[in-house]
PDB file of N, CA and C in Angstrom:
ATOM      1  N   UNK A   1     -67.880 -17.839  -5.588  1.00  0.00           N
ATOM      2  CA  UNK A   1     -67.010 -18.304  -4.430  1.00  0.00           C
ATOM      3  C   UNK A   1     -65.909 -17.398  -4.304  1.00  0.00           C
ATOM      4  N   UNK A   2     -65.582 -17.077  -3.034  1.00  0.00           N
ATOM      5  CA  UNK A   2     -64.570 -16.236  -2.574  1.00  0.00           C
ATOM      6  C   UNK A   2     -63.175 -16.809  -2.966  1.00  0.00           C
ATOM      7  N   UNK A   3     -62.352 -15.999  -3.658  1.00  0.00           N
ATOM      8  CA  UNK A   3     -60.912 -16.392  -3.859  1.00  0.00           C
ATOM      9  C   UNK A   3     -59.993 -16.170  -2.757  1.00  0.00           C
ATOM     10  N   UNK A   4     -59.230 -17.068  -2.477  1.00  0.00           N
ATOM     11  CA  UNK A   4     -58.359 -16.999  -1.354  1.00  0.00           C
ATOM     12  C   UNK A   4     -56.925 -16.715  -1.966  1.00  0.00           C
ATOM     13  N   UNK A   5     -56.192 -15.761  -1.334  1.00  0.00           N
ATOM     14  CA  UNK A   5     -54.983 -15.319  -1.866  1.00  0.00           C
ATOM     15  C   UNK A   5     -53.805 -15.689  -0.716  1.00  0.00           C
ATOM     16  N   UNK A   6     -52.759 -16.150  -1.086  1.00  0.00           N
ATOM     17  CA  UNK A   6     -51.611 -16.440  -0.113  1.00  0.00           C
ATOM     18  C   UNK A   6     -50.977 -15.055   0.096  1.00  0.00           C
ATOM     19  N   UNK A   7     -50.235 -15.046   1.237  1.00  0.00           N
ATOM     20  CA  UNK A   7     -49.488 -13.704   1.362  1.00  0.00           C
ATOM     21  C   UNK A   7     -48.581 -13.425   0.238  1.00  0.00           C
ATOM     22  N   UNK A   8     -48.041 -14.326  -0.318  1.00  0.00           N
ATOM     23  CA  UNK A   8     -47.073 -14.176  -1.536  1.00  0.00           C
ATOM     24  C   UNK A   8     -47.782 -13.500  -2.638  1.00  0.00           C
ATOM     25  N   UNK A   9     -49.120 -14.034  -2.945  1.00  0.00           N
ATOM     26  CA  UNK A   9     -49.775 -13.450  -3.976  1.00  0.00           C
ATOM     27  C   UNK A   9     -50.319 -12.050  -3.701  1.00  0.00           C
ATOM     28  N   UNK A  10     -50.756 -11.805  -2.412  1.00  0.00           N
ATOM     29  CA  UNK A  10     -51.151 -10.424  -2.084  1.00  0.00           C
ATOM     30  C   UNK A  10     -49.982  -9.476  -2.271  1.00  0.00           C
ATOM     31  N   UNK A  11     -48.833  -9.848  -1.732  1.00  0.00           N
ATOM     32  CA  UNK A  11     -47.599  -9.017  -1.939  1.00  0.00           C
ATOM     33  C   UNK A  11     -47.229  -8.825  -3.372  1.00  0.00           C
ATOM     34  N   UNK A  12     -47.427  -9.665  -4.341  1.00  0.00           N
ATOM     35  CA  UNK A  12     -47.162  -9.570  -5.682  1.00  0.00           C
ATOM     36  C   UNK A  12     -48.110  -8.553  -6.350  1.00  0.00           C
ATOM     37  N   UNK A  13     -49.328  -8.727  -5.892  1.00  0.00           N
ATOM     38  CA  UNK A  13     -50.522  -7.872  -6.475  1.00  0.00           C
ATOM     39  C   UNK A  13     -50.231  -6.357  -5.960  1.00  0.00           C
ATOM     40  N   UNK A  14     -49.962  -6.264  -4.657  1.00  0.00           N
ATOM     41  CA  UNK A  14     -49.621  -5.008  -4.108  1.00  0.00           C
ATOM     42  C   UNK A  14     -48.389  -4.284  -4.704  1.00  0.00           C
ATOM     43  N   UNK A  15     -47.374  -5.273  -5.051  1.00  0.00           N
ATOM     44  CA  UNK A  15     -46.149  -4.628  -5.669  1.00  0.00           C
ATOM     45  C   UNK A  15     -46.493  -4.112  -7.062  1.00  0.00           C
ATOM     46  N   UNK A  16     -47.334  -4.924  -7.787  1.00  0.00           N
ATOM     47  CA  UNK A  16     -47.687  -4.420  -9.192  1.00  0.00           C
ATOM     48  C   UNK A  16     -48.414  -3.104  -9.042  1.00  0.00           C
ATOM     49  N   UNK A  17     -49.164  -2.936  -8.060  1.00  0.00           N
ATOM     50  CA  UNK A  17     -50.055  -1.645  -7.821  1.00  0.00           C
ATOM     51  C   UNK A  17     -49.008  -0.558  -7.572  1.00  0.00           C
ATOM     52  N   UNK A  18     -47.967  -0.772  -6.629  1.00  0.00           N
ATOM     53  CA  UNK A  18     -46.961   0.165  -6.321  1.00  0.00           C
ATOM     54  C   UNK A  18     -46.207   0.694  -7.581  1.00  0.00           C
ATOM     55  N   UNK A  19     -45.890  -0.354  -8.396  1.00  0.00           N
ATOM     56  CA  UNK A  19     -45.210  -0.014  -9.576  1.00  0.00           C
ATOM     57  C   UNK A  19     -45.847   0.944 -10.568  1.00  0.00           C
ATOM     58  N   UNK A  20     -47.183   0.797 -10.589  1.00  0.00           N
ATOM     59  CA  UNK A  20     -48.037   1.727 -11.351  1.00  0.00           C
ATOM     60  C   UNK A  20     -48.042   1.396 -12.831  1.00  0.00           C
ATOM     61  N   UNK A  21     -47.682   0.311 -13.214  1.00  0.00           N
ATOM     62  CA  UNK A  21     -47.591  -0.128 -14.622  1.00  0.00           C
ATOM     63  C   UNK A  21     -49.083  -0.410 -15.104  1.00  0.00           C
ATOM     64  N   UNK A  22     -49.868  -0.847 -14.191  1.00  0.00           N
ATOM     65  CA  UNK A  22     -51.366  -1.097 -14.379  1.00  0.00           C
ATOM     66  C   UNK A  22     -52.096  -0.459 -13.408  1.00  0.00           C
ATOM     67  N   UNK A  23     -53.201  -0.028 -13.916  1.00  0.00           N
ATOM     68  CA  UNK A  23     -54.235   0.823 -12.935  1.00  0.00           C
ATOM     69  C   UNK A  23     -54.806  -0.298 -11.967  1.00  0.00           C
ATOM     70  N   UNK A  24     -55.287   0.171 -10.809  1.00  0.00           N
ATOM     71  CA  UNK A  24     -55.870  -0.809  -9.881  1.00  0.00           C
ATOM     72  C   UNK A  24     -57.132  -1.490 -10.532  1.00  0.00           C
ATOM     73  N   UNK A  25     -57.879  -0.743 -11.455  1.00  0.00           N
ATOM     74  CA  UNK A  25     -59.067  -1.474 -12.014  1.00  0.00           C
ATOM     75  C   UNK A  25     -58.555  -2.502 -13.004  1.00  0.00           C
ATOM     76  N   UNK A  26     -57.384  -2.332 -13.627  1.00  0.00           N
ATOM     77  CA  UNK A  26     -56.967  -3.395 -14.520  1.00  0.00           C
ATOM     78  C   UNK A  26     -56.512  -4.633 -13.792  1.00  0.00           C
ATOM     79  N   UNK A  27     -55.855  -4.445 -12.635  1.00  0.00           N
ATOM     80  CA  UNK A  27     -55.248  -5.489 -11.746  1.00  0.00           C
ATOM     81  C   UNK A  27     -56.548  -6.123 -11.176  1.00  0.00           C
ATOM     82  N   UNK A  28     -57.554  -5.444 -10.802  1.00  0.00           N
ATOM     83  CA  UNK A  28     -58.733  -6.048 -10.202  1.00  0.00           C
ATOM     84  C   UNK A  28     -59.328  -7.030 -11.152  1.00  0.00           C
ATOM     85  N   UNK A  29     -59.472  -6.528 -12.449  1.00  0.00           N
ATOM     86  CA  UNK A  29     -60.071  -7.508 -13.395  1.00  0.00           C
ATOM     87  C   UNK A  29     -59.317  -8.659 -13.782  1.00  0.00           C
ATOM     88  N   UNK A  30     -57.902  -8.468 -13.729  1.00  0.00           N
ATOM     89  CA  UNK A  30     -57.041  -9.551 -13.886  1.00  0.00           C
ATOM     90  C   UNK A  30     -57.003 -10.628 -12.754  1.00  0.00           C
ATOM     91  N   UNK A  31     -57.130 -10.292 -11.554  1.00  0.00           N
ATOM     92  CA  UNK A  31     -57.043 -11.125 -10.483  1.00  0.00           C
ATOM     93  C   UNK A  31     -58.380 -11.415  -9.845  1.00  0.00           C
ATOM     94  N   UNK A  32     -59.438 -10.866 -10.452  1.00  0.00           N
ATOM     95  CA  UNK A  32     -60.712 -11.115  -9.994  1.00  0.00           C
ATOM     96  C   UNK A  32     -60.976 -10.618  -8.556  1.00  0.00           C
ATOM     97  N   UNK A  33     -60.578  -9.472  -8.248  1.00  0.00           N
ATOM     98  CA  UNK A  33     -60.784  -8.855  -6.868  1.00  0.00           C
ATOM     99  C   UNK A  33     -61.241  -7.411  -6.976  1.00  0.00           C
ATOM    100  N   UNK A  34     -61.704  -6.985  -5.784  1.00  0.00           N
ATOM    101  CA  UNK A  34     -62.157  -5.513  -5.896  1.00  0.00           C
ATOM    102  C   UNK A  34     -61.071  -4.628  -5.830  1.00  0.00           C
ATOM    103  N   UNK A  35     -61.010  -3.503  -6.472  1.00  0.00           N
ATOM    104  CA  UNK A  35     -59.956  -2.588  -6.594  1.00  0.00           C
ATOM    105  C   UNK A  35     -59.543  -1.923  -5.150  1.00  0.00           C
ATOM    106  N   UNK A  36     -60.614  -1.922  -4.309  1.00  0.00           N
ATOM    107  CA  UNK A  36     -60.517  -1.437  -2.950  1.00  0.00           C
ATOM    108  C   UNK A  36     -59.495  -2.291  -2.158  1.00  0.00           C
ATOM    109  N   UNK A  37     -59.658  -3.739  -2.444  1.00  0.00           N
ATOM    110  CA  UNK A  37     -58.866  -4.796  -1.795  1.00  0.00           C
ATOM    111  C   UNK A  37     -57.358  -4.381  -2.162  1.00  0.00           C
ATOM    112  N   UNK A  38     -57.233  -4.206  -3.421  1.00  0.00           N
ATOM    113  CA  UNK A  38     -55.776  -3.933  -3.923  1.00  0.00           C
ATOM    114  C   UNK A  38     -55.168  -2.800  -3.268  1.00  0.00           C
ATOM    115  N   UNK A  39     -56.074  -1.710  -3.105  1.00  0.00           N
ATOM    116  CA  UNK A  39     -55.598  -0.483  -2.337  1.00  0.00           C
ATOM    117  C   UNK A  39     -55.295  -0.848  -0.888  1.00  0.00           C
ATOM    118  N   UNK A  40     -55.973  -1.676  -0.215  1.00  0.00           N
ATOM    119  CA  UNK A  40     -55.673  -2.112   1.136  1.00  0.00           C
ATOM    120  C   UNK A  40     -54.357  -2.732   1.157  1.00  0.00           C
ATOM    121  N   UNK A  41     -54.079  -3.887   0.215  1.00  0.00           N
ATOM    122  CA  UNK A  41     -52.884  -4.556   0.288  1.00  0.00           C
ATOM    123  C   UNK A  41     -51.676  -3.572  -0.079  1.00  0.00           C
ATOM    124  N   UNK A  42     -51.890  -2.761  -0.900  1.00  0.00           N
ATOM    125  CA  UNK A  42     -50.826  -1.757  -1.319  1.00  0.00           C
ATOM    126  C   UNK A  42     -50.475  -0.878  -0.091  1.00  0.00           C
ATOM    127  N   UNK A  43     -51.434  -0.469   0.628  1.00  0.00           N
ATOM    128  CA  UNK A  43     -51.240   0.335   1.865  1.00  0.00           C
ATOM    129  C   UNK A  43     -50.430  -0.500   2.904  1.00  0.00           C
ATOM    130  N   UNK A  44     -50.835  -1.679   3.129  1.00  0.00           N
ATOM    131  CA  UNK A  44     -50.150  -2.479   4.071  1.00  0.00           C
ATOM    132  C   UNK A  44     -48.707  -2.753   3.698  1.00  0.00           C
ATOM    133  N   UNK A  45     -48.494  -3.059   2.478  1.00  0.00           N
ATOM    134  CA  UNK A  45     -47.102  -3.193   1.821  1.00  0.00           C
ATOM    135  C   UNK A  45     -46.277  -2.039   2.141  1.00  0.00           C
ATOM    136  N   UNK A  46     -46.724  -0.847   1.915  1.00  0.00           N
ATOM    137  CA  UNK A  46     -45.891   0.488   2.009  1.00  0.00           C
ATOM    138  C   UNK A  46     -45.833   0.689   3.508  1.00  0.00           C
ATOM    139  N   UNK A  47     -46.722   0.377   4.367  1.00  0.00           N
ATOM    140  CA  UNK A  47     -46.630   0.621   5.798  1.00  0.00           C
ATOM    141  C   UNK A  47     -45.677  -0.244   6.539  1.00  0.00           C
ATOM    142  N   UNK A  48     -45.519  -1.500   5.938  1.00  0.00           N
ATOM    143  CA  UNK A  48     -44.704  -2.477   6.587  1.00  0.00           C
ATOM    144  C   UNK A  48     -43.392  -2.870   5.937  1.00  0.00           C
ATOM    145  N   UNK A  49     -43.098  -2.125   4.809  1.00  0.00           N
ATOM    146  CA  UNK A  49     -42.017  -2.472   3.916  1.00  0.00           C
ATOM    147  C   UNK A  49     -40.607  -2.411   4.747  1.00  0.00           C
ATOM    148  N   UNK A  50     -40.615  -1.589   5.654  1.00  0.00           N
ATOM    149  CA  UNK A  50     -39.301  -1.225   6.518  1.00  0.00           C
ATOM    150  C   UNK A  50     -38.980  -2.561   7.297  1.00  0.00           C
ATOM    151  N   UNK A  51     -39.904  -3.326   7.658  1.00  0.00           N
ATOM    152  CA  UNK A  51     -39.720  -4.554   8.524  1.00  0.00           C
ATOM    153  C   UNK A  51     -38.796  -5.642   7.728  1.00  0.00           C
ATOM    154  N   UNK A  52     -38.917  -5.455   6.406  1.00  0.00           N
ATOM    155  CA  UNK A  52     -38.066  -6.423   5.625  1.00  0.00           C
ATOM    156  C   UNK A  52     -36.510  -6.282   5.928  1.00  0.00           C
ATOM    157  N   UNK A  53     -36.132  -4.993   6.262  1.00  0.00           N
ATOM    158  CA  UNK A  53     -34.804  -4.821   6.381  1.00  0.00           C
ATOM    159  C   UNK A  53     -34.358  -4.726   7.965  1.00  0.00           C
ATOM    160  N   UNK A  54     -35.289  -4.861   8.777  1.00  0.00           N
ATOM    161  CA  UNK A  54     -35.046  -4.902  10.370  1.00  0.00           C
ATOM    162  C   UNK A  54     -34.383  -6.282  10.659  1.00  0.00           C
ATOM    163  N   UNK A  55     -33.581  -6.014  11.749  1.00  0.00           N
ATOM    164  CA  UNK A  55     -32.860  -7.199  12.282  1.00  0.00           C
ATOM    165  C   UNK A  55     -33.921  -7.996  13.255  1.00  0.00           C
ATOM    166  N   UNK A  56     -34.092  -9.219  12.684  1.00  0.00           N
ATOM    167  CA  UNK A  56     -35.113 -10.069  13.404  1.00  0.00           C
ATOM    168  C   UNK A  56     -34.732 -10.500  14.850  1.00  0.00           C
ATOM    169  N   UNK A  57     -33.346 -10.628  15.063  1.00  0.00           N
ATOM    170  CA  UNK A  57     -32.914 -10.899  16.391  1.00  0.00           C
ATOM    171  C   UNK A  57     -33.255  -9.715  17.308  1.00  0.00           C
ATOM    172  N   UNK A  58     -32.945  -8.550  16.826  1.00  0.00           N
ATOM    173  CA  UNK A  58     -33.274  -7.411  17.673  1.00  0.00           C
ATOM    174  C   UNK A  58     -34.741  -7.262  17.927  1.00  0.00           C
ATOM    175  N   UNK A  59     -35.619  -7.572  16.965  1.00  0.00           N
ATOM    176  CA  UNK A  59     -36.930  -7.516  17.188  1.00  0.00           C
ATOM    177  C   UNK A  59     -37.489  -8.526  18.134  1.00  0.00           C
ATOM    178  N   UNK A  60     -36.928  -9.731  18.110  1.00  0.00           N
ATOM    179  CA  UNK A  60     -37.219 -10.826  19.070  1.00  0.00           C
ATOM    180  C   UNK A  60     -36.712 -10.399  20.445  1.00  0.00           C
ATOM    181  N   UNK A  61     -35.585  -9.864  20.572  1.00  0.00           N
ATOM    182  CA  UNK A  61     -35.052  -9.337  21.918  1.00  0.00           C
ATOM    183  C   UNK A  61     -35.994  -8.363  22.443  1.00  0.00           C
ATOM    184  N   UNK A  62     -36.456  -7.437  21.583  1.00  0.00           N
ATOM    185  CA  UNK A  62     -37.382  -6.350  22.048  1.00  0.00           C
ATOM    186  C   UNK A  62     -38.703  -7.109  22.554  1.00  0.00           C
ATOM    187  N   UNK A  63     -39.258  -7.894  21.758  1.00  0.00           N
ATOM    188  CA  UNK A  63     -40.508  -8.515  22.133  1.00  0.00           C
ATOM    189  C   UNK A  63     -40.356  -9.303  23.481  1.00  0.00           C
ATOM    190  N   UNK A  64     -39.108 -10.034  23.647  1.00  0.00           N
ATOM    191  CA  UNK A  64     -38.811 -10.736  24.857  1.00  0.00           C
ATOM    192  C   UNK A  64     -38.813  -9.810  26.038  1.00  0.00           C
ATOM    193  N   UNK A  65     -38.231  -8.639  25.907  1.00  0.00           N
ATOM    194  CA  UNK A  65     -37.897  -7.605  26.949  1.00  0.00           C
ATOM    195  C   UNK A  65     -39.398  -7.064  27.262  1.00  0.00           C
ATOM    196  N   UNK A  66     -40.204  -6.849  26.285  1.00  0.00           N
ATOM    197  CA  UNK A  66     -41.526  -6.300  26.545  1.00  0.00           C
ATOM    198  C   UNK A  66     -42.289  -7.300  27.461  1.00  0.00           C
ATOM    199  N   UNK A  67     -42.242  -8.538  27.104  1.00  0.00           N
ATOM    200  CA  UNK A  67     -42.970  -9.676  27.771  1.00  0.00           C
ATOM    201  C   UNK A  67     -42.469  -9.719  29.194  1.00  0.00           C
ATOM    202  N   UNK A  68     -41.085  -9.656  29.349  1.00  0.00           N
ATOM    203  CA  UNK A  68     -40.517  -9.715  30.671  1.00  0.00           C
ATOM    204  C   UNK A  68     -41.063  -8.519  31.575  1.00  0.00           C
ATOM    205  N   UNK A  69     -40.992  -7.465  31.018  1.00  0.00           N
ATOM    206  CA  UNK A  69     -41.422  -6.108  31.722  1.00  0.00           C
ATOM    207  C   UNK A  69     -42.944  -6.280  32.109  1.00  0.00           C
ATOM    208  N   UNK A  70     -43.738  -6.854  31.284  1.00  0.00           N
ATOM    209  CA  UNK A  70     -45.186  -6.999  31.618  1.00  0.00           C
ATOM    210  C   UNK A  70     -45.346  -8.056  32.728  1.00  0.00           C
ATOM    211  N   UNK A  71     -44.590  -9.116  32.680  1.00  0.00           N
ATOM    212  CA  UNK A  71     -44.643 -10.059  33.650  1.00  0.00           C
ATOM    213  C   UNK A  71     -44.197  -9.613  35.020  1.00  0.00           C
ATOM    214  N   UNK A  72     -43.106  -8.932  35.019  1.00  0.00           N
ATOM    215  CA  UNK A  72     -42.634  -8.237  36.312  1.00  0.00           C
ATOM    216  C   UNK A  72     -43.715  -7.379  36.898  1.00  0.00           C
ATOM    217  N   UNK A  73     -44.380  -6.515  36.008  1.00  0.00           N
ATOM    218  CA  UNK A  73     -45.501  -5.790  36.499  1.00  0.00           C
ATOM    219  C   UNK A  73     -46.526  -6.509  37.135  1.00  0.00           C
ATOM    220  N   UNK A  74     -46.992  -7.584  36.477  1.00  0.00           N
ATOM    221  CA  UNK A  74     -48.016  -8.342  36.974  1.00  0.00           C
ATOM    222  C   UNK A  74     -47.651  -8.935  38.468  1.00  0.00           C
ATOM    223  N   UNK A  75     -46.435  -9.436  38.438  1.00  0.00           N
ATOM    224  CA  UNK A  75     -45.826  -9.897  39.758  1.00  0.00           C
ATOM    225  C   UNK A  75     -45.883  -8.927  40.862  1.00  0.00           C
ATOM    226  N   UNK A  76     -45.504  -7.720  40.422  1.00  0.00           N
ATOM    227  CA  UNK A  76     -45.408  -6.629  41.509  1.00  0.00           C
ATOM    228  C   UNK A  76     -46.796  -6.376  41.914  1.00  0.00           C
ATOM    229  N   UNK A  77     -47.739  -6.342  41.037  1.00  0.00           N
ATOM    230  CA  UNK A  77     -49.124  -6.119  41.519  1.00  0.00           C
ATOM    231  C   UNK A  77     -49.660  -7.186  42.459  1.00  0.00           C
ATOM    232  N   UNK A  78     -49.322  -8.311  42.016  1.00  0.00           N
ATOM    233  CA  UNK A  78     -49.701  -9.484  42.947  1.00  0.00           C
ATOM    234  C   UNK A  78     -49.052  -9.375  44.314  1.00  0.00           C
ATOM    235  N   UNK A  79     -47.851  -9.074  44.299  1.00  0.00           N
ATOM    236  CA  UNK A  79     -47.130  -8.853  45.680  1.00  0.00           C
ATOM    237  C   UNK A  79     -47.879  -7.821  46.519  1.00  0.00           C
ATOM    238  N   UNK A  80     -48.155  -6.697  45.975  1.00  0.00           N
ATOM    239  CA  UNK A  80     -48.844  -5.664  46.548  1.00  0.00           C
ATOM    240  C   UNK A  80     -50.295  -6.202  47.194  1.00  0.00           C
ATOM    241  N   UNK A  81     -51.133  -6.986  46.301  1.00  0.00           N
ATOM    242  CA  UNK A  81     -52.322  -7.406  46.685  1.00  0.00           C
ATOM    243  C   UNK A  81     -52.192  -8.383  47.801  1.00  0.00           C
ATOM    244  N   UNK A  82     -51.117  -9.214  47.763  1.00  0.00           N
ATOM    245  CA  UNK A  82     -50.954 -10.272  48.812  1.00  0.00           C
ATOM    246  C   UNK A  82     -50.579  -9.378  50.144  1.00  0.00           C
ATOM    247  N   UNK A  83     -49.699  -8.580  50.144  1.00  0.00           N
ATOM    248  CA  UNK A  83     -49.376  -7.830  51.333  1.00  0.00           C
ATOM    249  C   UNK A  83     -50.525  -7.058  51.914  1.00  0.00           C
ATOM    250  N   UNK A  84     -51.489  -6.483  51.012  1.00  0.00           N
ATOM    251  CA  UNK A  84     -52.617  -5.823  51.572  1.00  0.00           C
ATOM    252  C   UNK A  84     -53.600  -6.819  52.142  1.00  0.00           C
ATOM    253  N   UNK A  85     -53.800  -7.985  51.525  1.00  0.00           N
ATOM    254  CA  UNK A  85     -54.649  -9.077  52.151  1.00  0.00           C
ATOM    255  C   UNK A  85     -54.150  -9.580  53.430  1.00  0.00           C
ATOM    256  N   UNK A  86     -52.812  -9.653  53.619  1.00  0.00           N
ATOM    257  CA  UNK A  86     -52.154 -10.193  54.866  1.00  0.00           C
ATOM    258  C   UNK A  86     -52.534  -9.267  55.970  1.00  0.00           C
ATOM    259  N   UNK A  87     -52.652  -7.818  55.674  1.00  0.00           N
ATOM    260  CA  UNK A  87     -52.790  -6.802  56.692  1.00  0.00           C
ATOM    261  C   UNK A  87     -54.237  -6.708  57.163  1.00  0.00           C
ATOM    262  N   UNK A  88     -55.093  -7.315  56.366  1.00  0.00           N
ATOM    263  CA  UNK A  88     -56.584  -7.402  56.628  1.00  0.00           C
ATOM    264  C   UNK A  88     -56.925  -8.359  57.596  1.00  0.00           C
TER     265      UNK A  88
END
């Protein structure tokens, strides 16, 4: 049966791999998962570690601004289409 890991467990295993105290094969045997999976989790941890220190409010504001920009673009396209249809 496939073992399901929580995000916290994945982070813990990936962190152990980053520390390098145990080899991935040792961790794989201990947690009953494939060593490649540990490598994938480790890579994701290292790629996204900077987000831990980012300002969540700033990120939320950026996401909101991106959404607003996309919506204005769609509205603009619709306005152009409506004007074009009115002329026909």
